[in-house]
Protein backbone atom coordinates (compact mmCIF):
# COMPACT_ATOMS: atom_id res chain seq x y z
CA MET A 1 -5.59 2.50 19.10
CA GLU A 2 -2.80 0.04 19.20
CA PHE A 3 -2.57 -3.66 18.00
CA LEU A 4 0.72 -4.25 20.05
CA ARG A 5 1.52 -6.77 22.61
CA GLN A 6 3.64 -7.63 25.08
CA THR A 7 5.96 -10.62 25.60
CA GLU A 8 8.19 -11.76 28.06
CA VAL A 9 11.47 -12.93 26.27
CA ILE A 10 15.28 -13.47 26.96
CA GLN A 11 17.75 -10.75 25.26
CA TRP A 12 21.12 -12.43 24.85
CA LYS A 13 24.23 -8.86 24.11
CA ASP A 14 27.57 -9.14 24.87
CA GLY A 15 27.63 -12.54 26.59
CA GLU A 16 25.15 -11.37 29.21
CA TYR A 17 21.26 -12.62 29.12
CA GLN A 18 18.49 -10.98 30.93
CA THR A 19 14.37 -10.98 30.86
CA ILE A 20 12.37 -8.33 29.29
CA LYS A 21 9.20 -7.40 27.85
CA GLU A 22 8.90 -7.04 24.45
CA ASN A 23 6.52 -5.52 21.71
CA SER A 24 5.33 -7.11 18.96
CA VAL A 25 2.34 -6.05 16.07
CA ASP A 26 -0.96 -7.39 17.11
CA ASP A 27 -1.32 -8.65 12.50
CA GLU A 28 -4.46 -9.66 11.59
CA TYR A 29 -6.43 -10.99 8.54
CA THR A 30 -8.41 -8.63 6.79
CA TYR A 31 -10.91 -9.48 3.44
CA LEU A 32 -11.98 -6.82 1.21
CA PHE A 33 -15.70 -7.52 -0.73
CA ILE A 34 -15.09 -5.86 -3.55
CA ASP A 35 -18.81 -4.84 -5.22
CA TYR A 36 -19.40 -8.92 -6.12
CA LEU A 37 -15.84 -10.45 -6.75
CA PRO A 38 -14.71 -12.96 -4.96
CA PRO A 39 -12.84 -11.59 -1.24
CA ARG A 40 -9.01 -10.78 -1.18
CA LYS A 41 -7.38 -11.06 2.14
CA PHE A 42 -4.91 -9.86 3.58
CA SER A 43 -2.64 -9.24 6.56
CA THR A 44 -2.49 -6.25 8.20
CA TYR A 45 -2.48 -3.78 11.12
CA PRO A 46 -5.51 -3.14 11.10
CA ILE A 47 -5.81 0.76 11.66
CA ASP A 48 -7.09 2.88 8.76
CA LEU A 49 -8.42 0.17 7.04
CA LYS A 50 -10.87 2.90 4.58
CA ASP A 51 -8.08 4.34 3.47
CA PHE A 52 -6.36 1.02 3.11
CA ALA A 53 -9.59 -0.16 1.18
CA VAL A 54 -9.60 3.66 -1.20
CA GLY A 55 -5.91 2.82 -2.43
CA TYR A 56 -6.14 -0.82 -3.11
CA CYS A 57 -9.44 -0.17 -5.72
CA LEU A 58 -7.29 2.73 -7.27
CA GLY A 59 -4.00 0.40 -7.34
CA GLU A 60 -5.82 -2.30 -8.55
CA GLY A 61 -7.19 -0.47 -11.22
CA LEU A 62 -10.98 -0.91 -9.87
CA ILE A 63 -12.22 2.40 -9.48
CA LYS A 64 -10.38 5.29 -11.43
CA ASP A 65 -11.30 7.88 -8.87
CA TYR A 66 -12.32 8.05 -5.17
CA SER A 67 -15.84 9.22 -6.12
CA ASP A 68 -16.19 5.91 -7.77
CA ILE A 69 -16.53 4.73 -4.48
CA GLU A 70 -20.23 4.27 -3.01
CA SER A 71 -19.75 3.25 0.11
CA ILE A 72 -17.34 1.09 2.47
CA THR A 73 -18.86 -0.46 5.95
CA VAL A 74 -16.19 -1.76 7.98
CA ASP A 75 -16.96 -4.99 10.01
CA GLY A 76 -14.34 -5.66 12.10
CA THR A 77 -11.54 -6.63 9.64
CA ASN A 78 -13.98 -7.18 6.94
CA LEU A 79 -14.10 -4.36 4.43
CA LEU A 80 -17.40 -4.55 2.07
CA ILE A 81 -16.79 -1.78 -0.65
CA SER A 82 -19.38 -0.99 -3.29
CA THR A 83 -18.70 1.35 -6.51
CA LYS A 84 -20.06 2.81 -9.47
CA LEU A 85 -18.25 0.69 -12.03
CA SER A 86 -19.54 -2.62 -13.08
CA HIS A 87 -17.70 -5.68 -11.82
CA ASP A 88 -19.80 -9.08 -12.84
CA PRO A 89 -20.41 -11.11 -9.89
CA GLU A 90 -21.74 -13.86 -11.43
CA GLU A 91 -18.47 -14.57 -13.21
CA ASP A 92 -16.15 -14.39 -10.65
CA LEU A 93 -18.31 -15.99 -7.88
CA GLU A 94 -19.18 -18.84 -9.99
CA GLN A 95 -16.27 -19.80 -11.32
CA ASP A 96 -15.27 -20.25 -7.66
CA GLY A 97 -17.84 -21.95 -6.44
CA ILE A 98 -19.48 -19.09 -4.01
CA VAL A 99 -23.23 -18.81 -4.39
CA GLN A 100 -24.29 -15.32 -3.77
CA GLU A 101 -27.20 -14.11 -1.98
CA ARG A 102 -30.19 -12.33 -3.00
CA LYS A 103 -32.25 -10.20 -0.63
CA GLY A 104 -35.28 -7.81 -1.64
CA ASN A 105 -33.34 -5.44 -3.91
CA CYS A 106 -29.71 -6.11 -1.64
CA GLU A 107 -27.44 -8.36 -3.74
CA HIS A 108 -24.51 -8.15 -1.45
CA ALA A 109 -22.59 -11.53 -1.57
CA CYS A 110 -23.17 -13.35 1.57
CA VAL A 111 -20.17 -11.95 4.05
CA CYS A 112 -20.79 -15.49 6.33
CA ARG A 113 -20.56 -17.87 3.06
CA LEU A 114 -17.59 -15.81 1.43
CA LEU A 115 -15.23 -15.89 4.96
CA GLU A 116 -15.49 -19.45 4.61
CA TYR A 117 -13.31 -18.90 1.28
CA GLN A 118 -9.69 -18.46 2.15
CA GLY A 119 -10.25 -15.20 -0.86
CA VAL A 120 -7.65 -13.80 -3.48
CA ASN A 121 -4.24 -13.66 -1.65
CA SER A 122 -2.87 -10.57 -1.45
CA ASP A 123 0.04 -9.47 -4.04
CA ASN A 124 2.87 -8.95 -1.32
CA ALA A 125 4.66 -11.61 -3.00
CA GLY A 126 3.41 -9.84 -6.65
CA GLY A 127 -0.08 -11.33 -7.31
CA ILE A 128 -2.41 -9.26 -8.82
CA ARG A 129 -0.84 -6.05 -9.53
CA SER A 130 2.10 -8.35 -11.32
CA GLU A 131 0.62 -8.17 -14.58
CA LEU A 132 -0.16 -4.63 -16.29
CA LYS A 133 -1.53 -4.31 -20.37
CA THR A 134 -0.39 -1.32 -21.23
CA ILE A 135 1.81 0.94 -19.42
CA GLU A 136 1.23 4.49 -19.67
CA ARG A 137 4.08 6.86 -19.79
CA ASN A 138 3.84 9.82 -16.70
CA ASP A 139 4.64 12.79 -17.73
CA SER A 140 4.40 15.19 -14.31
CA ASP A 141 7.22 18.04 -14.00
CA LEU A 142 6.89 17.16 -10.50
CA LYS A 143 10.93 17.79 -9.09
CA ILE A 144 12.51 17.18 -5.82
CA ASN A 145 15.82 18.31 -4.66
CA ALA A 146 18.58 16.12 -3.50
CA THR A 147 18.62 17.25 -0.16
CA GLN A 148 14.90 16.91 0.11
CA ILE A 149 14.82 12.87 -0.52
CA ILE A 150 17.03 12.43 3.12
CA GLU A 151 15.61 14.38 4.79
CA ASP A 152 12.24 13.19 3.72
CA MET A 153 13.45 9.50 4.76
CA GLU A 154 14.68 10.65 7.96
CA HIS A 155 10.67 12.38 8.25
CA LEU A 156 9.81 9.06 7.68
CA THR A 157 11.76 7.06 10.34
CA ASP A 158 11.06 9.68 12.81
CA GLU A 159 7.34 9.53 12.41
CA ALA A 160 7.27 5.38 12.14
CA LYS A 161 5.48 5.12 15.75
CA ILE A 162 5.01 1.69 15.80
CA TRP A 163 8.07 0.40 14.02
CA GLN A 164 9.76 2.33 16.91
CA LYS A 165 8.13 0.00 19.50
CA THR A 166 8.29 -3.20 17.66
CA ALA A 167 10.44 -3.50 14.60
CA GLY A 168 7.91 -5.34 13.00
CA VAL A 169 5.68 -2.71 10.35
CA HIS A 170 6.86 -0.77 7.07
CA VAL A 171 6.17 2.34 7.47
CA ALA A 172 4.79 4.51 3.69
CA GLN A 173 5.11 8.60 3.54
CA LEU A 174 2.84 10.73 0.54
CA LYS A 175 4.23 14.09 0.21
CA TYR A 176 1.65 16.42 -1.69
CA LYS A 177 3.18 20.15 -1.11
CA ASP A 178 3.33 20.95 2.18
CA ASN A 179 1.02 17.71 3.48
CA ILE A 180 2.56 14.83 4.20
CA ILE A 181 0.60 11.79 5.43
CA ILE A 182 2.16 8.62 6.86
CA ARG A 183 0.66 4.88 7.65
CA GLU A 184 1.78 2.25 8.91
CA ASP A 185 1.37 -1.44 7.93
CA VAL A 186 3.28 -5.29 8.63
CA SER A 187 2.65 -4.94 4.29
CA ARG A 188 4.58 -2.28 2.52
CA HIS A 189 1.68 -2.84 -0.09
CA VAL A 190 -0.25 -2.01 2.41
CA ALA A 191 1.15 0.39 4.02
CA VAL A 192 1.61 2.55 0.30
CA ASP A 193 -2.35 1.28 -0.58
CA LYS A 194 -2.86 2.93 2.63
CA VAL A 195 -1.19 6.52 2.07
CA ILE A 196 -2.90 6.65 -1.34
CA GLY A 197 -5.98 5.83 -0.17
CA ALA A 198 -6.18 8.60 2.70
CA ALA A 199 -4.36 11.29 -0.75
CA ALA A 200 -7.56 10.48 -2.61
CA LYS A 201 -9.68 10.82 -0.09
CA GLU A 202 -8.35 14.42 0.18
CA GLY A 203 -8.36 15.40 -3.18
CA TYR A 204 -4.86 15.69 -4.03
CA ASP A 205 -3.33 16.01 -7.68
CA PHE A 206 -1.30 12.58 -8.10
CA SER A 207 0.90 13.99 -10.68
CA GLN A 208 2.21 16.15 -7.86
CA CYS A 209 2.52 13.91 -5.14
CA TYR A 210 5.50 11.02 -4.22
CA VAL A 211 5.95 8.17 -1.94
CA SER A 212 8.25 7.64 0.46
CA TYR A 213 8.81 3.68 2.05
CA SER A 214 10.27 1.08 3.82
CA GLY A 215 10.08 -1.96 1.71
CA ARG A 216 11.64 -3.27 -1.90
CA MET A 217 10.74 -1.76 -5.18
CA PRO A 218 9.83 -5.05 -7.54
CA ALA A 219 7.29 -4.73 -10.01
CA ASP A 220 3.83 -4.67 -8.78
CA MET A 221 4.96 -1.81 -6.65
CA LEU A 222 6.06 -0.02 -9.59
CA ILE A 223 2.08 -0.86 -10.71
CA LYS A 224 0.36 0.81 -8.61
CA VAL A 225 1.71 3.95 -8.39
CA ILE A 226 1.76 4.07 -12.50
CA ARG A 227 -2.27 3.66 -12.72
CA VAL A 228 -3.00 6.62 -9.85
CA GLY A 229 -0.45 8.82 -11.60
CA ILE A 230 2.52 9.47 -9.03
CA PRO A 231 5.83 10.05 -10.63
CA ILE A 232 8.21 9.51 -7.83
CA ILE A 233 8.51 6.32 -5.56
CA ILE A 234 11.76 6.81 -3.02
CA SER A 235 12.94 3.27 -0.75
CA ASN A 236 15.31 3.06 1.74
CA ALA A 237 15.73 -0.50 0.25
CA ALA A 238 16.61 -1.71 -3.17
CA PRO A 239 14.36 -2.34 -6.34
CA ALA A 240 13.62 -5.82 -7.88
CA SER A 241 14.97 -5.65 -11.79
CA SER A 242 11.06 -6.03 -12.53
CA GLY A 243 10.42 -3.17 -10.89
CA ILE A 244 13.33 -1.48 -12.88
CA ASP A 245 12.00 -2.30 -15.75
CA VAL A 246 8.58 -0.84 -15.21
CA ALA A 247 9.65 2.44 -13.70
CA ARG A 248 11.58 2.89 -17.20
CA ALA A 249 8.70 2.07 -19.43
CA GLY A 250 6.06 4.74 -17.26
CA ASN A 251 9.22 6.79 -16.83
CA ILE A 252 8.84 6.68 -13.01
CA THR A 253 11.84 8.54 -10.57
CA MET A 254 12.62 5.04 -8.69
CA ILE A 255 15.17 5.95 -6.21
CA GLY A 256 16.08 3.62 -3.71
CA PHE A 257 19.41 2.95 -1.21
CA VAL A 258 18.44 6.15 0.69
CA ARG A 259 20.87 5.80 3.93
CA ASP A 260 23.53 7.17 5.53
CA ASN A 261 23.65 10.37 3.46
CA ARG A 262 23.42 9.09 0.30
CA PHE A 263 21.07 7.49 -2.25
CA THR A 264 20.48 5.56 -5.97
CA VAL A 265 18.48 6.99 -8.69
CA PHE A 266 17.51 4.43 -11.15
CA THR A 267 14.88 5.84 -13.19
CA ALA A 268 14.10 9.20 -15.14
CA PRO A 269 16.68 11.70 -13.22
CA GLU A 270 15.38 14.71 -14.17
CA ARG A 271 13.33 15.06 -11.59
CA VAL A 272 16.01 15.12 -9.06
CA ASN A 273 17.89 18.62 -8.70
CA PHE A 274 21.13 16.68 -7.80
CA GLU A 275 22.73 20.64 -6.58
CA GLU A 276 20.10 21.19 -4.14
């Protein structure tokens, strides 16, 4: 199902104008209810939401492996996620004045009550993931050819079906050997979460994966790939200086400005074969 909306608009071009119908993305708010933590709110393109939930929990450090998730329940655009790990519900919920509802052996927080709370905003502007106490170096031996970087970005553009119709989403692509996963979303963070989650469900070795996507590369995006162990991140856009610092500390290969048959390697260039 495509969440698209058509609107009648007036298009001006070269001194002439006409009435046409334009596609736009029908984005929705999505809430993640992870164990008993306060809900987390995101603006999303509401497909592949289970992939998003898995990728978000991995990138946020709430789980170490896909097997840590016990269940994911989708209720519209609300996602209820139970994990095997112990996340203290009472401290987080009481801090925000949210009362936990217990029914028999079920300790799920009352969804209706929690929906009244705006939730923890997503990190689209550098929020929750913007700090990482320790950064472990990524010593993956993965290498990529220079020509492959260009080809991957072209493939990303060719397969961005919703972007082609609306120009209103970001697209992310994760490659593992000959396998490619592509997801789209109004948020670049959520798009990357979706490909990470889908790859985790398939059991891919993240140390041999790399991600190409549309959008800037700030610190919180680099922290996401560091947490899951992805060694290479590629974008058609620019990095932020915070992203460069984190990439350098984590030994992540950061490649930006992939366009017009060129690119720029900002960190860990040893993973790029410039001759091929």
